N, C-alpha and C. Protein backbone atom coordinates (compact mmCIF):
# COMPACT_ATOMS: atom_id res chain seq x y z
N MET A 1 0.84 -1.16 0.00
CA MET A 1 0.00 0.00 0.00
C MET A 1 0.90 1.24 0.00
N PRO A 2 0.76 2.11 -1.00
CA PRO A 2 1.60 3.30 -1.08
C PRO A 2 1.27 4.29 0.04
N SER A 3 2.28 4.96 0.47
CA SER A 3 2.11 5.94 1.54
C SER A 3 2.53 7.32 1.05
N ASN A 4 1.75 8.29 1.37
CA ASN A 4 2.06 9.66 1.00
C ASN A 4 2.42 10.50 2.23
N LEU A 5 3.07 9.88 3.19
CA LEU A 5 3.46 10.61 4.39
C LEU A 5 4.64 11.54 4.08
N ILE A 6 4.52 12.75 4.55
CA ILE A 6 5.59 13.73 4.39
C ILE A 6 5.99 14.20 5.77
N PHE A 7 7.28 14.12 6.05
CA PHE A 7 7.79 14.58 7.33
C PHE A 7 8.58 15.86 7.13
N ASN A 8 8.25 16.85 7.92
CA ASN A 8 9.03 18.09 7.94
C ASN A 8 9.81 18.12 9.24
N ILE A 9 11.09 18.23 9.13
CA ILE A 9 11.93 18.26 10.32
C ILE A 9 12.44 19.68 10.51
N GLU A 10 12.16 20.26 11.67
CA GLU A 10 12.66 21.58 11.99
C GLU A 10 13.79 21.44 12.99
N ASN A 11 14.80 22.25 12.80
CA ASN A 11 15.91 22.29 13.74
C ASN A 11 15.63 23.34 14.80
N ALA A 12 16.20 23.14 15.97
CA ALA A 12 16.09 24.14 17.03
C ALA A 12 16.82 25.41 16.59
N VAL A 13 16.30 26.55 17.04
CA VAL A 13 16.87 27.85 16.67
C VAL A 13 17.79 28.32 17.80
N PHE A 14 19.01 28.70 17.43
CA PHE A 14 19.96 29.29 18.37
C PHE A 14 20.60 30.51 17.70
N ILE A 15 20.52 31.66 18.35
CA ILE A 15 21.11 32.88 17.81
C ILE A 15 22.48 33.08 18.44
N SER A 16 23.51 33.14 17.61
CA SER A 16 24.86 33.35 18.13
C SER A 16 25.34 34.79 17.97
N GLY A 17 24.68 35.57 17.11
CA GLY A 17 25.11 36.95 16.93
C GLY A 17 24.08 37.78 16.20
N ALA A 18 24.18 39.09 16.38
CA ALA A 18 23.33 40.06 15.69
C ALA A 18 24.19 41.23 15.27
N GLU A 19 23.89 41.76 14.07
CA GLU A 19 24.67 42.90 13.59
C GLU A 19 23.81 43.78 12.70
N PRO A 20 23.68 45.06 12.94
CA PRO A 20 24.15 45.75 14.14
C PRO A 20 23.20 45.49 15.30
N THR A 21 23.50 46.01 16.47
CA THR A 21 22.64 45.83 17.64
C THR A 21 21.92 47.13 17.99
N PHE A 22 21.91 48.07 17.04
CA PHE A 22 21.22 49.34 17.20
C PHE A 22 20.60 49.70 15.86
N GLY A 23 19.39 50.23 15.89
CA GLY A 23 18.74 50.64 14.65
C GLY A 23 17.60 51.59 14.93
N HIS A 24 16.92 52.02 13.88
CA HIS A 24 15.76 52.89 13.99
C HIS A 24 14.71 52.39 13.01
N THR A 25 13.52 52.96 13.07
CA THR A 25 12.43 52.55 12.20
C THR A 25 12.90 52.46 10.75
N GLY A 26 12.66 51.32 10.14
CA GLY A 26 13.02 51.11 8.75
C GLY A 26 14.39 50.52 8.52
N SER A 27 15.22 50.47 9.55
CA SER A 27 16.55 49.89 9.38
C SER A 27 16.48 48.38 9.52
N CYS A 28 17.50 47.69 9.06
CA CYS A 28 17.54 46.23 9.10
C CYS A 28 18.75 45.74 9.87
N PHE A 29 18.66 44.53 10.36
CA PHE A 29 19.76 43.88 11.07
C PHE A 29 19.79 42.42 10.67
N HIS A 30 20.92 41.77 10.90
CA HIS A 30 21.09 40.35 10.57
C HIS A 30 21.37 39.56 11.83
N ILE A 31 20.77 38.39 11.93
CA ILE A 31 21.13 37.47 13.01
C ILE A 31 21.68 36.20 12.38
N SER A 32 22.58 35.56 13.09
CA SER A 32 23.15 34.30 12.62
C SER A 32 23.16 33.31 13.77
N GLY A 33 23.35 32.06 13.43
CA GLY A 33 23.36 30.99 14.42
C GLY A 33 22.96 29.69 13.75
N SER A 34 22.42 28.79 14.52
CA SER A 34 21.99 27.52 13.94
C SER A 34 20.46 27.48 13.83
N GLY A 35 19.98 26.75 12.85
CA GLY A 35 18.55 26.63 12.62
C GLY A 35 17.93 27.85 11.96
N MET A 36 18.75 28.75 11.41
CA MET A 36 18.22 29.98 10.81
C MET A 36 17.30 29.69 9.63
N HIS A 37 17.58 28.64 8.87
CA HIS A 37 16.73 28.32 7.71
C HIS A 37 15.35 27.80 8.13
N ASP A 38 15.19 27.45 9.42
CA ASP A 38 13.91 26.95 9.91
C ASP A 38 13.11 28.00 10.69
N VAL A 39 13.58 29.24 10.72
CA VAL A 39 12.87 30.30 11.45
C VAL A 39 11.56 30.62 10.74
N THR A 40 10.47 30.64 11.52
CA THR A 40 9.15 30.97 10.95
C THR A 40 8.60 32.28 11.50
N GLY A 41 9.29 32.88 12.48
CA GLY A 41 8.85 34.15 13.04
C GLY A 41 10.00 34.88 13.72
N LEU A 42 9.90 36.21 13.74
CA LEU A 42 10.92 37.05 14.37
C LEU A 42 10.21 38.17 15.10
N ARG A 43 10.67 38.46 16.31
CA ARG A 43 10.03 39.52 17.09
C ARG A 43 11.02 40.12 18.08
N PHE A 44 10.65 41.31 18.59
CA PHE A 44 11.32 41.92 19.72
C PHE A 44 10.47 41.61 20.95
N SER A 45 11.13 41.43 22.08
CA SER A 45 10.45 41.30 23.36
C SER A 45 11.05 42.34 24.29
N ASP A 46 10.19 43.15 24.93
CA ASP A 46 10.73 44.16 25.84
C ASP A 46 10.83 43.61 27.25
N THR A 47 11.28 44.44 28.18
CA THR A 47 11.56 43.97 29.54
C THR A 47 10.31 43.60 30.32
N ILE A 48 9.13 44.01 29.86
CA ILE A 48 7.91 43.63 30.58
C ILE A 48 7.10 42.58 29.82
N GLY A 49 7.69 42.02 28.76
CA GLY A 49 7.06 40.90 28.07
C GLY A 49 6.24 41.24 26.85
N ASN A 50 6.16 42.51 26.47
CA ASN A 50 5.44 42.86 25.23
C ASN A 50 6.20 42.30 24.04
N LYS A 51 5.48 41.78 23.07
CA LYS A 51 6.07 41.20 21.86
C LYS A 51 5.73 42.07 20.66
N ILE A 52 6.74 42.37 19.84
CA ILE A 52 6.56 43.19 18.64
C ILE A 52 7.01 42.36 17.44
N GLN A 53 6.07 41.94 16.61
CA GLN A 53 6.38 41.12 15.44
C GLN A 53 7.18 41.92 14.42
N LEU A 54 8.13 41.27 13.76
CA LEU A 54 8.99 41.93 12.78
C LEU A 54 8.86 41.26 11.42
N ASP A 55 8.98 42.05 10.36
CA ASP A 55 9.11 41.50 9.02
C ASP A 55 10.53 40.94 8.91
N PHE A 56 10.68 39.82 8.22
CA PHE A 56 12.00 39.21 8.11
C PHE A 56 12.12 38.39 6.84
N SER A 57 13.35 38.04 6.51
CA SER A 57 13.62 37.12 5.41
C SER A 57 14.82 36.28 5.80
N THR A 58 14.92 35.10 5.21
CA THR A 58 16.08 34.25 5.45
C THR A 58 16.92 34.21 4.17
N GLY A 59 18.20 33.97 4.33
CA GLY A 59 19.07 33.91 3.17
C GLY A 59 20.51 33.68 3.57
N LEU A 60 21.38 33.76 2.60
CA LEU A 60 22.80 33.55 2.83
C LEU A 60 23.56 34.87 2.74
N ILE A 61 24.50 35.06 3.63
CA ILE A 61 25.50 36.12 3.51
C ILE A 61 26.81 35.36 3.41
N GLY A 62 27.35 35.32 2.20
CA GLY A 62 28.49 34.42 1.95
C GLY A 62 27.97 33.00 2.04
N ALA A 63 28.57 32.21 2.91
CA ALA A 63 28.13 30.83 3.12
C ALA A 63 27.35 30.67 4.42
N VAL A 64 27.04 31.79 5.07
CA VAL A 64 26.38 31.75 6.38
C VAL A 64 24.88 32.00 6.24
N GLN A 65 24.09 31.08 6.76
CA GLN A 65 22.64 31.23 6.76
C GLN A 65 22.26 32.29 7.79
N THR A 66 21.51 33.29 7.38
CA THR A 66 21.12 34.38 8.29
C THR A 66 19.64 34.68 8.17
N VAL A 67 19.16 35.43 9.14
CA VAL A 67 17.81 36.01 9.10
C VAL A 67 18.00 37.51 9.15
N THR A 68 17.32 38.22 8.24
CA THR A 68 17.38 39.67 8.22
C THR A 68 16.04 40.19 8.70
N GLY A 69 16.07 41.00 9.76
CA GLY A 69 14.86 41.59 10.32
C GLY A 69 14.83 43.08 10.08
N CYS A 70 13.63 43.64 10.00
CA CYS A 70 13.47 45.08 9.81
C CYS A 70 12.74 45.67 11.01
N VAL A 71 13.24 46.80 11.48
CA VAL A 71 12.65 47.47 12.64
C VAL A 71 11.36 48.15 12.21
N PRO A 72 10.24 47.82 12.87
CA PRO A 72 8.96 48.45 12.51
C PRO A 72 8.90 49.88 13.07
N GLU A 73 7.85 50.60 12.70
CA GLU A 73 7.65 51.94 13.27
C GLU A 73 7.35 51.79 14.75
N MET A 74 8.24 52.35 15.56
CA MET A 74 8.09 52.23 17.01
C MET A 74 8.87 53.33 17.70
N GLU A 75 8.55 53.56 18.95
CA GLU A 75 9.25 54.55 19.77
C GLU A 75 10.64 54.03 20.12
N PRO A 76 11.60 54.94 20.37
CA PRO A 76 12.92 54.50 20.81
C PRO A 76 12.81 53.65 22.08
N GLN A 77 13.61 52.61 22.13
CA GLN A 77 13.56 51.68 23.25
C GLN A 77 14.86 50.90 23.31
N ASP A 78 15.36 50.66 24.52
CA ASP A 78 16.56 49.84 24.64
C ASP A 78 16.21 48.55 25.37
N LEU A 79 17.17 47.71 25.54
CA LEU A 79 17.02 46.41 26.22
C LEU A 79 15.96 45.52 25.59
N LEU A 80 15.88 45.53 24.28
CA LEU A 80 14.98 44.62 23.57
C LEU A 80 15.69 43.30 23.31
N THR A 81 14.98 42.21 23.49
CA THR A 81 15.50 40.90 23.17
C THR A 81 14.99 40.51 21.78
N ILE A 82 15.91 40.05 20.93
CA ILE A 82 15.52 39.53 19.62
C ILE A 82 15.13 38.07 19.82
N GLU A 83 13.96 37.68 19.34
CA GLU A 83 13.51 36.29 19.43
C GLU A 83 13.22 35.77 18.03
N ALA A 84 13.93 34.72 17.63
CA ALA A 84 13.66 34.01 16.37
C ALA A 84 13.08 32.66 16.77
N TYR A 85 12.02 32.25 16.11
CA TYR A 85 11.35 31.03 16.58
C TYR A 85 10.80 30.20 15.43
N ASN A 86 10.49 28.95 15.79
CA ASN A 86 9.73 28.05 14.93
C ASN A 86 8.81 27.24 15.84
N SER A 87 8.22 26.17 15.34
CA SER A 87 7.22 25.44 16.14
C SER A 87 7.82 24.66 17.30
N ILE A 88 9.14 24.46 17.32
CA ILE A 88 9.72 23.66 18.40
C ILE A 88 10.65 24.43 19.33
N SER A 89 11.10 25.64 18.96
CA SER A 89 12.04 26.34 19.82
C SER A 89 12.07 27.84 19.54
N THR A 90 12.68 28.56 20.47
CA THR A 90 12.89 30.00 20.32
C THR A 90 14.33 30.32 20.70
N GLY A 91 15.01 30.99 19.78
CA GLY A 91 16.37 31.45 20.07
C GLY A 91 16.30 32.93 20.45
N THR A 92 17.12 33.34 21.41
CA THR A 92 17.10 34.73 21.86
C THR A 92 18.48 35.37 21.78
N TYR A 93 18.47 36.69 21.64
CA TYR A 93 19.72 37.46 21.63
C TYR A 93 19.45 38.77 22.36
N LYS A 94 20.30 39.06 23.34
CA LYS A 94 20.17 40.29 24.13
C LYS A 94 21.39 41.15 23.86
N TYR A 95 21.28 42.35 23.63
CA TYR A 95 20.15 43.25 23.56
C TYR A 95 20.21 44.02 22.26
N PHE A 96 19.05 44.53 21.83
CA PHE A 96 18.94 45.40 20.67
C PHE A 96 18.35 46.72 21.15
N GLU A 97 18.80 47.81 20.55
CA GLU A 97 18.29 49.13 20.92
C GLU A 97 17.71 49.82 19.69
N VAL A 98 16.51 50.37 19.84
CA VAL A 98 15.88 51.15 18.78
C VAL A 98 16.00 52.61 19.15
N GLY A 99 16.67 53.38 18.29
CA GLY A 99 16.83 54.82 18.51
C GLY A 99 15.83 55.61 17.69
N ASP A 100 15.95 56.91 17.77
CA ASP A 100 15.04 57.74 16.98
C ASP A 100 15.69 58.07 15.64
N ASN A 101 14.92 58.70 14.77
CA ASN A 101 15.40 59.03 13.43
C ASN A 101 15.93 60.45 13.33
N THR A 102 16.19 61.09 14.47
CA THR A 102 16.67 62.47 14.45
C THR A 102 18.07 62.50 13.84
N PRO A 103 18.28 63.31 12.80
CA PRO A 103 19.62 63.40 12.23
C PRO A 103 20.63 63.93 13.24
N VAL A 104 21.85 63.45 13.19
CA VAL A 104 22.89 63.81 14.14
C VAL A 104 23.12 65.32 14.16
N ASP A 105 23.13 65.98 13.02
CA ASP A 105 23.38 67.42 13.01
C ASP A 105 22.27 68.19 13.72
N GLN A 106 21.05 67.68 13.70
CA GLN A 106 19.95 68.34 14.39
C GLN A 106 20.13 68.22 15.90
N VAL A 107 20.56 67.07 16.39
CA VAL A 107 20.83 66.87 17.81
C VAL A 107 21.96 67.79 18.24
N THR A 108 23.03 67.88 17.44
CA THR A 108 24.17 68.72 17.74
C THR A 108 23.75 70.19 17.81
N GLN A 109 22.92 70.63 16.87
CA GLN A 109 22.45 72.01 16.89
C GLN A 109 21.66 72.30 18.15
N SER A 110 20.81 71.37 18.55
CA SER A 110 20.03 71.55 19.77
C SER A 110 20.93 71.64 20.99
N PHE A 111 21.96 70.81 21.03
CA PHE A 111 22.88 70.79 22.15
C PHE A 111 23.63 72.12 22.24
N TYR A 112 24.17 72.60 21.12
CA TYR A 112 24.95 73.83 21.15
C TYR A 112 24.07 75.06 21.36
N ALA A 113 22.82 74.98 21.02
CA ALA A 113 21.92 76.11 21.26
C ALA A 113 21.82 76.42 22.75
N ILE A 114 22.00 75.40 23.59
CA ILE A 114 21.96 75.61 25.03
C ILE A 114 23.09 76.55 25.46
N TRP A 115 24.24 76.44 24.81
CA TRP A 115 25.43 77.20 25.20
C TRP A 115 25.67 78.44 24.33
N ASP A 116 24.86 78.68 23.38
CA ASP A 116 25.03 79.82 22.50
C ASP A 116 24.68 81.10 23.27
N PRO A 117 25.63 82.03 23.39
CA PRO A 117 25.35 83.25 24.16
C PRO A 117 24.20 84.08 23.57
N ARG A 118 23.90 83.89 22.30
CA ARG A 118 22.76 84.61 21.72
C ARG A 118 21.44 84.05 22.22
N VAL A 119 21.48 82.77 22.66
CA VAL A 119 20.27 82.12 23.15
C VAL A 119 20.19 82.19 24.67
N TYR A 120 21.33 82.02 25.31
CA TYR A 120 21.34 81.97 26.77
C TYR A 120 22.38 82.95 27.28
N ASP A 121 21.98 83.93 28.03
CA ASP A 121 22.88 84.91 28.59
C ASP A 121 22.91 84.74 30.10
N ALA A 122 24.09 84.40 30.64
CA ALA A 122 24.22 84.09 32.08
C ALA A 122 24.16 85.33 32.94
N ASP A 123 24.22 86.54 32.35
CA ASP A 123 24.22 87.77 33.18
C ASP A 123 22.88 88.05 33.78
């Protein structure tokens, strides 16, 4: 009797690295480790347990299997854990930080405006 059984084997997910570990809305990062080709979901988890789903893709960088995630529109936040998962396991990587999209020159101008004698006169 013919059998049409199909077995899908998923490997456990383990994240060994992330690059970069800082980003802002719309930026992307790469994670590497084992079981990356079996990842079915990617998310951030904050320190109080909120989960933020991320868009992602899997692929090769050189000969290394990686997952590329994109930071969704969100407020700046640090101490985020990256979680890559499938039906049998979840791999984690600590920590990722989401910054704001303020251009560096704008922050610098704001900082120097505090000390500009035309703006602030100590007399």
